[in-house]
PDB file of N, CA and C in Angstrom:
ATOM      1  N   MET A   1       0.945  -1.053  -0.214  1.00  0.00           N
ATOM      2  CA  MET A   1      -0.157   0.089  -0.093  1.00  0.00           C
ATOM      3  C   MET A   1       0.783   1.126  -0.206  1.00  0.00           C
ATOM      4  N   HIS A   2       0.421   2.400  -0.981  1.00  0.00           N
ATOM      5  CA  HIS A   2       0.659   3.791  -0.474  1.00  0.00           C
ATOM      6  C   HIS A   2       0.334   4.278   0.500  1.00  0.00           C
ATOM      7  N   LEU A   3       0.764   4.603   1.398  1.00  0.00           N
ATOM      8  CA  LEU A   3       0.167   5.145   2.818  1.00  0.00           C
ATOM      9  C   LEU A   3       0.459   6.708   2.692  1.00  0.00           C
ATOM     10  N   ARG A   4      -0.622   7.801   3.136  1.00  0.00           N
ATOM     11  CA  ARG A   4      -0.315   9.048   3.107  1.00  0.00           C
ATOM     12  C   ARG A   4      -0.632   9.629   3.847  1.00  0.00           C
ATOM     13  N   GLU A   5      -0.631  11.150   4.632  1.00  0.00           N
ATOM     14  CA  GLU A   5      -1.271  11.570   5.583  1.00  0.00           C
ATOM     15  C   GLU A   5      -2.444  12.395   4.200  1.00  0.00           C
ATOM     16  N   ALA A   6      -3.796  12.591   5.236  1.00  0.00           N
ATOM     17  CA  ALA A   6      -4.577  12.957   3.875  1.00  0.00           C
ATOM     18  C   ALA A   6      -4.406  14.171   3.524  1.00  0.00           C
ATOM     19  N   SER A   7      -3.929  15.330   3.985  1.00  0.00           N
ATOM     20  CA  SER A   7      -3.888  16.774   3.538  1.00  0.00           C
ATOM     21  C   SER A   7      -2.253  16.795   2.523  1.00  0.00           C
ATOM     22  N   CYS A   8      -1.808  15.701   2.825  1.00  0.00           N
ATOM     23  CA  CYS A   8       0.025  15.528   2.288  1.00  0.00           C
ATOM     24  C   CYS A   8      -0.119  14.774   0.844  1.00  0.00           C
ATOM     25  N   GLY A   9      -0.078  15.354  -0.270  1.00  0.00           N
ATOM     26  CA  GLY A   9      -0.272  14.434  -1.533  1.00  0.00           C
ATOM     27  C   GLY A   9       0.891  14.025  -2.260  1.00  0.00           C
ATOM     28  N   TYR A  10       2.028  14.985  -2.070  1.00  0.00           N
ATOM     29  CA  TYR A  10       3.422  14.078  -2.468  1.00  0.00           C
ATOM     30  C   TYR A  10       3.951  12.822  -1.572  1.00  0.00           C
ATOM     31  N   TYR A  11       3.802  12.678  -0.425  1.00  0.00           N
ATOM     32  CA  TYR A  11       4.423  11.917   0.570  1.00  0.00           C
ATOM     33  C   TYR A  11       3.950  10.824   0.654  1.00  0.00           C
ATOM     34  N   ARG A  12       4.365   9.163   0.341  1.00  0.00           N
ATOM     35  CA  ARG A  12       3.734   8.373   0.343  1.00  0.00           C
ATOM     36  C   ARG A  12       4.703   7.144   1.385  1.00  0.00           C
ATOM     37  N   TRP A  13       4.072   6.775   2.420  1.00  0.00           N
ATOM     38  CA  TRP A  13       4.848   5.161   3.119  1.00  0.00           C
ATOM     39  C   TRP A  13       4.233   4.351   2.349  1.00  0.00           C
ATOM     40  N   ILE A  14       5.179   3.673   2.015  1.00  0.00           N
ATOM     41  CA  ILE A  14       5.153   1.920   1.788  1.00  0.00           C
ATOM     42  C   ILE A  14       4.599   1.215   2.871  1.00  0.00           C
ATOM     43  N   VAL A  15       3.548   0.756   2.781  1.00  0.00           N
ATOM     44  CA  VAL A  15       3.397  -0.115   3.836  1.00  0.00           C
ATOM     45  C   VAL A  15       2.685  -1.204   3.960  1.00  0.00           C
ATOM     46  N   ASP A  16       3.093  -2.565   3.914  1.00  0.00           N
ATOM     47  CA  ASP A  16       2.399  -3.634   3.800  1.00  0.00           C
ATOM     48  C   ASP A  16       1.290  -4.281   4.330  1.00  0.00           C
ATOM     49  N   ALA A  17       0.621  -4.445   2.978  1.00  0.00           N
ATOM     50  CA  ALA A  17      -0.920  -4.830   3.752  1.00  0.00           C
ATOM     51  C   ALA A  17      -1.220  -6.500   4.023  1.00  0.00           C
ATOM     52  N   ILE A  18      -1.905  -7.269   4.612  1.00  0.00           N
ATOM     53  CA  ILE A  18      -1.656  -8.724   4.514  1.00  0.00           C
ATOM     54  C   ILE A  18      -3.362  -8.948   5.047  1.00  0.00           C
ATOM     55  N   TYR A  19      -4.167 -10.059   4.304  1.00  0.00           N
ATOM     56  CA  TYR A  19      -5.565 -10.108   5.050  1.00  0.00           C
ATOM     57  C   TYR A  19      -5.452 -11.471   5.248  1.00  0.00           C
ATOM     58  N   ASP A  20      -6.315 -11.762   6.255  1.00  0.00           N
ATOM     59  CA  ASP A  20      -6.971 -12.777   6.911  1.00  0.00           C
ATOM     60  C   ASP A  20      -7.753 -13.467   6.214  1.00  0.00           C
ATOM     61  N   ALA A  21      -8.213 -14.929   6.537  1.00  0.00           N
ATOM     62  CA  ALA A  21      -9.394 -15.559   5.784  1.00  0.00           C
ATOM     63  C   ALA A  21     -10.696 -15.029   5.606  1.00  0.00           C
ATOM     64  N   ARG A  22     -11.131 -14.019   6.226  1.00  0.00           N
ATOM     65  CA  ARG A  22     -12.111 -13.675   5.960  1.00  0.00           C
ATOM     66  C   ARG A  22     -12.398 -12.374   5.341  1.00  0.00           C
ATOM     67  N   GLY A  23     -10.937 -12.081   4.717  1.00  0.00           N
ATOM     68  CA  GLY A  23     -10.885 -10.883   3.903  1.00  0.00           C
ATOM     69  C   GLY A  23     -10.729  -9.393   4.856  1.00  0.00           C
ATOM     70  N   LYS A  24     -10.534  -9.555   6.133  1.00  0.00           N
ATOM     71  CA  LYS A  24     -10.293  -8.286   6.965  1.00  0.00           C
ATOM     72  C   LYS A  24      -8.628  -7.753   6.206  1.00  0.00           C
ATOM     73  N   MET A  25      -8.177  -6.673   6.397  1.00  0.00           N
ATOM     74  CA  MET A  25      -6.830  -6.314   5.942  1.00  0.00           C
ATOM     75  C   MET A  25      -6.266  -5.682   7.163  1.00  0.00           C
ATOM     76  N   TYR A  26      -4.966  -5.845   7.426  1.00  0.00           N
ATOM     77  CA  TYR A  26      -3.953  -5.505   8.315  1.00  0.00           C
ATOM     78  C   TYR A  26      -2.846  -5.002   7.825  1.00  0.00           C
ATOM     79  N   LEU A  27      -2.258  -3.714   8.241  1.00  0.00           N
ATOM     80  CA  LEU A  27      -1.314  -3.237   7.848  1.00  0.00           C
ATOM     81  C   LEU A  27      -0.088  -3.896   8.917  1.00  0.00           C
ATOM     82  N   ASN A  28       1.116  -4.495   8.210  1.00  0.00           N
ATOM     83  CA  ASN A  28       1.904  -4.959   8.659  1.00  0.00           C
ATOM     84  C   ASN A  28       3.249  -4.275   8.579  1.00  0.00           C
ATOM     85  N   ILE A  29       4.122  -4.810   7.789  1.00  0.00           N
ATOM     86  CA  ILE A  29       5.290  -4.070   7.599  1.00  0.00           C
ATOM     87  C   ILE A  29       5.322  -2.556   7.319  1.00  0.00           C
ATOM     88  N   GLY A  30       6.253  -1.552   7.876  1.00  0.00           N
ATOM     89  CA  GLY A  30       6.092  -0.020   7.358  1.00  0.00           C
ATOM     90  C   GLY A  30       5.083   0.540   8.376  1.00  0.00           C
ATOM     91  N   TRP A  31       4.656   0.030   8.906  1.00  0.00           N
ATOM     92  CA  TRP A  31       3.203   0.593   9.604  1.00  0.00           C
ATOM     93  C   TRP A  31       3.611   1.108  11.137  1.00  0.00           C
ATOM     94  N   GLU A  32       4.551   0.365  11.568  1.00  0.00           N
ATOM     95  CA  GLU A  32       5.542   0.886  13.006  1.00  0.00           C
ATOM     96  C   GLU A  32       5.942   1.879  12.543  1.00  0.00           C
ATOM     97  N   LYS A  33       6.690   2.102  11.528  1.00  0.00           N
ATOM     98  CA  LYS A  33       7.445   3.488  10.982  1.00  0.00           C
ATOM     99  C   LYS A  33       6.555   4.710  10.742  1.00  0.00           C
ATOM    100  N   PHE A  34       5.402   4.463   9.950  1.00  0.00           N
ATOM    101  CA  PHE A  34       4.680   5.376   9.986  1.00  0.00           C
ATOM    102  C   PHE A  34       3.719   5.855  11.492  1.00  0.00           C
ATOM    103  N   ALA A  35       3.704   4.982  12.234  1.00  0.00           N
ATOM    104  CA  ALA A  35       3.034   5.324  13.374  1.00  0.00           C
ATOM    105  C   ALA A  35       3.943   6.042  14.272  1.00  0.00           C
ATOM    106  N   ARG A  36       5.229   5.528  14.556  1.00  0.00           N
ATOM    107  CA  ARG A  36       6.590   6.543  14.708  1.00  0.00           C
ATOM    108  C   ARG A  36       6.461   7.674  14.793  1.00  0.00           C
ATOM    109  N   HIS A  37       6.735   7.860  13.506  1.00  0.00           N
ATOM    110  CA  HIS A  37       6.928   9.018  12.897  1.00  0.00           C
ATOM    111  C   HIS A  37       6.278  10.149  12.847  1.00  0.00           C
ATOM    112  N   HIS A  38       4.735   9.581  13.084  1.00  0.00           N
ATOM    113  CA  HIS A  38       3.367  10.334  13.531  1.00  0.00           C
ATOM    114  C   HIS A  38       3.095  10.509  14.798  1.00  0.00           C
ATOM    115  N   ASN A  39       3.762   9.918  15.628  1.00  0.00           N
ATOM    116  CA  ASN A  39       3.663   9.746  17.666  1.00  0.00           C
ATOM    117  C   ASN A  39       2.364   9.520  17.686  1.00  0.00           C
ATOM    118  N   LEU A  40       1.831   8.203  16.665  1.00  0.00           N
ATOM    119  CA  LEU A  40       0.276   7.801  16.908  1.00  0.00           C
ATOM    120  C   LEU A  40       0.155   7.245  18.580  1.00  0.00           C
ATOM    121  N   GLU A  41      -0.768   7.303  19.718  1.00  0.00           N
ATOM    122  CA  GLU A  41      -1.404   6.734  20.758  1.00  0.00           C
ATOM    123  C   GLU A  41      -2.686   6.225  20.848  1.00  0.00           C
ATOM    124  N   ALA A  42      -2.519   5.491  21.733  1.00  0.00           N
ATOM    125  CA  ALA A  42      -3.389   4.900  21.770  1.00  0.00           C
ATOM    126  C   ALA A  42      -4.945   5.870  22.192  1.00  0.00           C
ATOM    127  N   GLY A  43      -6.088   5.863  21.940  1.00  0.00           N
ATOM    128  CA  GLY A  43      -7.034   6.945  21.624  1.00  0.00           C
ATOM    129  C   GLY A  43      -7.109   7.904  20.999  1.00  0.00           C
ATOM    130  N   PHE A  44      -6.087   7.298  19.870  1.00  0.00           N
ATOM    131  CA  PHE A  44      -6.248   8.584  18.459  1.00  0.00           C
ATOM    132  C   PHE A  44      -7.481   7.735  17.697  1.00  0.00           C
ATOM    133  N   ILE A  45      -7.877   8.716  16.831  1.00  0.00           N
ATOM    134  CA  ILE A  45      -8.789   8.068  15.936  1.00  0.00           C
ATOM    135  C   ILE A  45      -7.884   8.330  14.336  1.00  0.00           C
ATOM    136  N   LEU A  46      -7.936   6.905  14.060  1.00  0.00           N
ATOM    137  CA  LEU A  46      -7.480   7.167  12.240  1.00  0.00           C
ATOM    138  C   LEU A  46      -8.623   6.884  11.498  1.00  0.00           C
ATOM    139  N   LEU A  47      -9.011   7.909  10.314  1.00  0.00           N
ATOM    140  CA  LEU A  47      -9.804   7.277   9.328  1.00  0.00           C
ATOM    141  C   LEU A  47      -8.993   7.368   7.786  1.00  0.00           C
ATOM    142  N   PHE A  48      -9.307   5.859   7.614  1.00  0.00           N
ATOM    143  CA  PHE A  48      -8.346   5.551   6.218  1.00  0.00           C
ATOM    144  C   PHE A  48      -9.262   5.703   5.081  1.00  0.00           C
ATOM    145  N   SER A  49      -9.065   6.376   3.737  1.00  0.00           N
ATOM    146  CA  SER A  49      -9.880   6.331   2.467  1.00  0.00           C
ATOM    147  C   SER A  49      -9.137   5.620   1.771  1.00  0.00           C
ATOM    148  N   TYR A  50      -9.661   4.357   1.261  1.00  0.00           N
ATOM    149  CA  TYR A  50      -9.015   3.871  -0.267  1.00  0.00           C
ATOM    150  C   TYR A  50      -9.346   4.425  -1.469  1.00  0.00           C
ATOM    151  N   PHE A  51      -8.521   4.612  -2.224  1.00  0.00           N
ATOM    152  CA  PHE A  51      -7.997   5.167  -3.167  1.00  0.00           C
ATOM    153  C   PHE A  51      -8.505   4.077  -4.823  1.00  0.00           C
ATOM    154  N   GLY A  52      -8.375   2.912  -4.564  1.00  0.00           N
ATOM    155  CA  GLY A  52      -7.882   1.898  -5.333  1.00  0.00           C
ATOM    156  C   GLY A  52      -6.196   2.041  -5.649  1.00  0.00           C
ATOM    157  N   ASN A  53      -5.591   1.017  -6.420  1.00  0.00           N
ATOM    158  CA  ASN A  53      -4.419   0.818  -7.111  1.00  0.00           C
ATOM    159  C   ASN A  53      -3.184   1.136  -5.969  1.00  0.00           C
ATOM    160  N   ARG A  54      -3.665   0.561  -4.505  1.00  0.00           N
ATOM    161  CA  ARG A  54      -2.672   0.557  -3.564  1.00  0.00           C
ATOM    162  C   ARG A  54      -2.429   1.889  -2.603  1.00  0.00           C
ATOM    163  N   ASP A  55      -3.519   2.793  -3.414  1.00  0.00           N
ATOM    164  CA  ASP A  55      -3.418   3.925  -2.863  1.00  0.00           C
ATOM    165  C   ASP A  55      -4.401   4.696  -1.999  1.00  0.00           C
ATOM    166  N   MET A  56      -4.139   4.490  -0.658  1.00  0.00           N
ATOM    167  CA  MET A  56      -4.819   4.745   0.687  1.00  0.00           C
ATOM    168  C   MET A  56      -4.460   6.261   1.851  1.00  0.00           C
ATOM    169  N   SER A  57      -5.204   7.012   2.149  1.00  0.00           N
ATOM    170  CA  SER A  57      -4.800   8.300   2.764  1.00  0.00           C
ATOM    171  C   SER A  57      -5.295   7.801   4.621  1.00  0.00           C
ATOM    172  N   VAL A  58      -5.017   8.583   5.279  1.00  0.00           N
ATOM    173  CA  VAL A  58      -5.461   8.379   6.641  1.00  0.00           C
ATOM    174  C   VAL A  58      -5.227   9.636   7.310  1.00  0.00           C
ATOM    175  N   LYS A  59      -6.738  10.193   8.040  1.00  0.00           N
ATOM    176  CA  LYS A  59      -6.316  11.452   8.773  1.00  0.00           C
ATOM    177  C   LYS A  59      -6.691  10.935  10.335  1.00  0.00           C
ATOM    178  N   VAL A  60      -5.568  11.696  10.881  1.00  0.00           N
ATOM    179  CA  VAL A  60      -5.512  11.152  12.625  1.00  0.00           C
ATOM    180  C   VAL A  60      -6.093  12.336  13.368  1.00  0.00           C
ATOM    181  N   PHE A  61      -6.741  12.014  14.298  1.00  0.00           N
ATOM    182  CA  PHE A  61      -7.367  12.993  15.183  1.00  0.00           C
ATOM    183  C   PHE A  61      -6.804  12.345  16.624  1.00  0.00           C
ATOM    184  N   ASP A  62      -6.579  13.345  17.097  1.00  0.00           N
ATOM    185  CA  ASP A  62      -5.987  13.061  18.873  1.00  0.00           C
ATOM    186  C   ASP A  62      -7.087  12.848  19.538  1.00  0.00           C
ATOM    187  N   GLU A  63      -6.364  12.891  20.902  1.00  0.00           N
ATOM    188  CA  GLU A  63      -7.457  12.175  22.362  1.00  0.00           C
ATOM    189  C   GLU A  63      -8.640  13.533  22.114  1.00  0.00           C
ATOM    190  N   ARG A  64      -8.328  14.410  21.664  1.00  0.00           N
ATOM    191  CA  ARG A  64      -9.430  15.564  22.020  1.00  0.00           C
ATOM    192  C   ARG A  64     -10.254  15.593  20.900  1.00  0.00           C
ATOM    193  N   ARG A  65     -10.008  14.692  19.982  1.00  0.00           N
ATOM    194  CA  ARG A  65     -10.511  14.933  18.786  1.00  0.00           C
ATOM    195  C   ARG A  65     -10.154  15.576  17.774  1.00  0.00           C
ATOM    196  N   CYS A  66      -9.342  16.269  17.918  1.00  0.00           N
ATOM    197  CA  CYS A  66      -8.581  17.410  17.183  1.00  0.00           C
ATOM    198  C   CYS A  66      -7.884  16.698  16.064  1.00  0.00           C
ATOM    199  N   ARG A  67      -8.207  17.058  14.904  1.00  0.00           N
ATOM    200  CA  ARG A  67      -7.222  16.573  13.342  1.00  0.00           C
ATOM    201  C   ARG A  67      -5.941  17.400  13.386  1.00  0.00           C
ATOM    202  N   ARG A  68      -4.843  16.100  13.538  1.00  0.00           N
ATOM    203  CA  ARG A  68      -3.478  16.464  13.767  1.00  0.00           C
ATOM    204  C   ARG A  68      -2.988  17.049  11.923  1.00  0.00           C
ATOM    205  N   ASP A  69      -2.266  17.600  11.963  1.00  0.00           N
ATOM    206  CA  ASP A  69      -1.692  18.300  10.904  1.00  0.00           C
ATOM    207  C   ASP A  69      -0.557  17.877  10.642  1.00  0.00           C
ATOM    208  N   TYR A  70       0.098  16.987   9.877  1.00  0.00           N
ATOM    209  CA  TYR A  70       1.727  16.799   9.292  1.00  0.00           C
ATOM    210  C   TYR A  70       2.221  17.082   8.534  1.00  0.00           C
ATOM    211  N   HIS A  71       1.381  17.323   7.468  1.00  0.00           N
ATOM    212  CA  HIS A  71       1.938  17.908   5.950  1.00  0.00           C
ATOM    213  C   HIS A  71       3.046  18.800   5.312  1.00  0.00           C
ATOM    214  N   GLY A  72       3.568  19.763   7.192  1.00  0.00           N
ATOM    215  CA  GLY A  72       4.835  20.250   6.531  1.00  0.00           C
ATOM    216  C   GLY A  72       5.998  19.502   7.142  1.00  0.00           C
ATOM    217  N   ASP A  73       5.836  18.215   7.864  1.00  0.00           N
ATOM    218  CA  ASP A  73       7.112  17.025   7.834  1.00  0.00           C
ATOM    219  C   ASP A  73       7.799  16.791   6.809  1.00  0.00           C
ATOM    220  N   SER A  74       8.964  16.649   7.046  1.00  0.00           N
ATOM    221  CA  SER A  74      10.010  16.308   5.907  1.00  0.00           C
ATOM    222  C   SER A  74      10.786  14.916   6.870  1.00  0.00           C
ATOM    223  N   THR A  75      10.770  14.214   5.608  1.00  0.00           N
ATOM    224  CA  THR A  75      11.793  12.879   6.523  1.00  0.00           C
ATOM    225  C   THR A  75      12.290  12.082   5.478  1.00  0.00           C
ATOM    226  N   ASP A  76      13.360  11.323   5.677  1.00  0.00           N
ATOM    227  CA  ASP A  76      13.405   9.957   3.986  1.00  0.00           C
ATOM    228  C   ASP A  76      13.236   8.816   5.017  1.00  0.00           C
ATOM    229  N   GLU A  77      12.525   8.877   5.629  1.00  0.00           N
ATOM    230  CA  GLU A  77      12.145   7.348   6.234  1.00  0.00           C
ATOM    231  C   GLU A  77      11.535   6.566   5.055  1.00  0.00           C
ATOM    232  N   GLU A  78      10.789   7.080   4.602  1.00  0.00           N
ATOM    233  CA  GLU A  78      10.273   5.858   3.283  1.00  0.00           C
ATOM    234  C   GLU A  78      11.506   5.562   2.422  1.00  0.00           C
ATOM    235  N   ASP A  79      12.487   5.680   2.631  1.00  0.00           N
ATOM    236  CA  ASP A  79      13.368   4.774   1.669  1.00  0.00           C
ATOM    237  C   ASP A  79      14.039   3.387   2.487  1.00  0.00           C
ATOM    238  N   ASP A  80      13.868   4.023   3.683  1.00  0.00           N
ATOM    239  CA  ASP A  80      14.679   2.350   4.587  1.00  0.00           C
ATOM    240  C   ASP A  80      13.990   1.554   4.397  1.00  0.00           C
TER     241      ASP A  80
END
């Protein structure tokens, strides 16, 4: 999957998706780096949108239900 923060169209994280026998999708390899970089914590709400062709975005809301905005961030973690 190519995962991006919803307000940032140019930076994509490569995240492996696996599926169980019921067809439920789980984010696997690469998800931990994304979560660490975005300081995700218990209590946050994540809203995913799938656009097809392995392209997905996520909106992050903190424990106060305020939208987190990361689009000014720069990193080279995607290339690791």
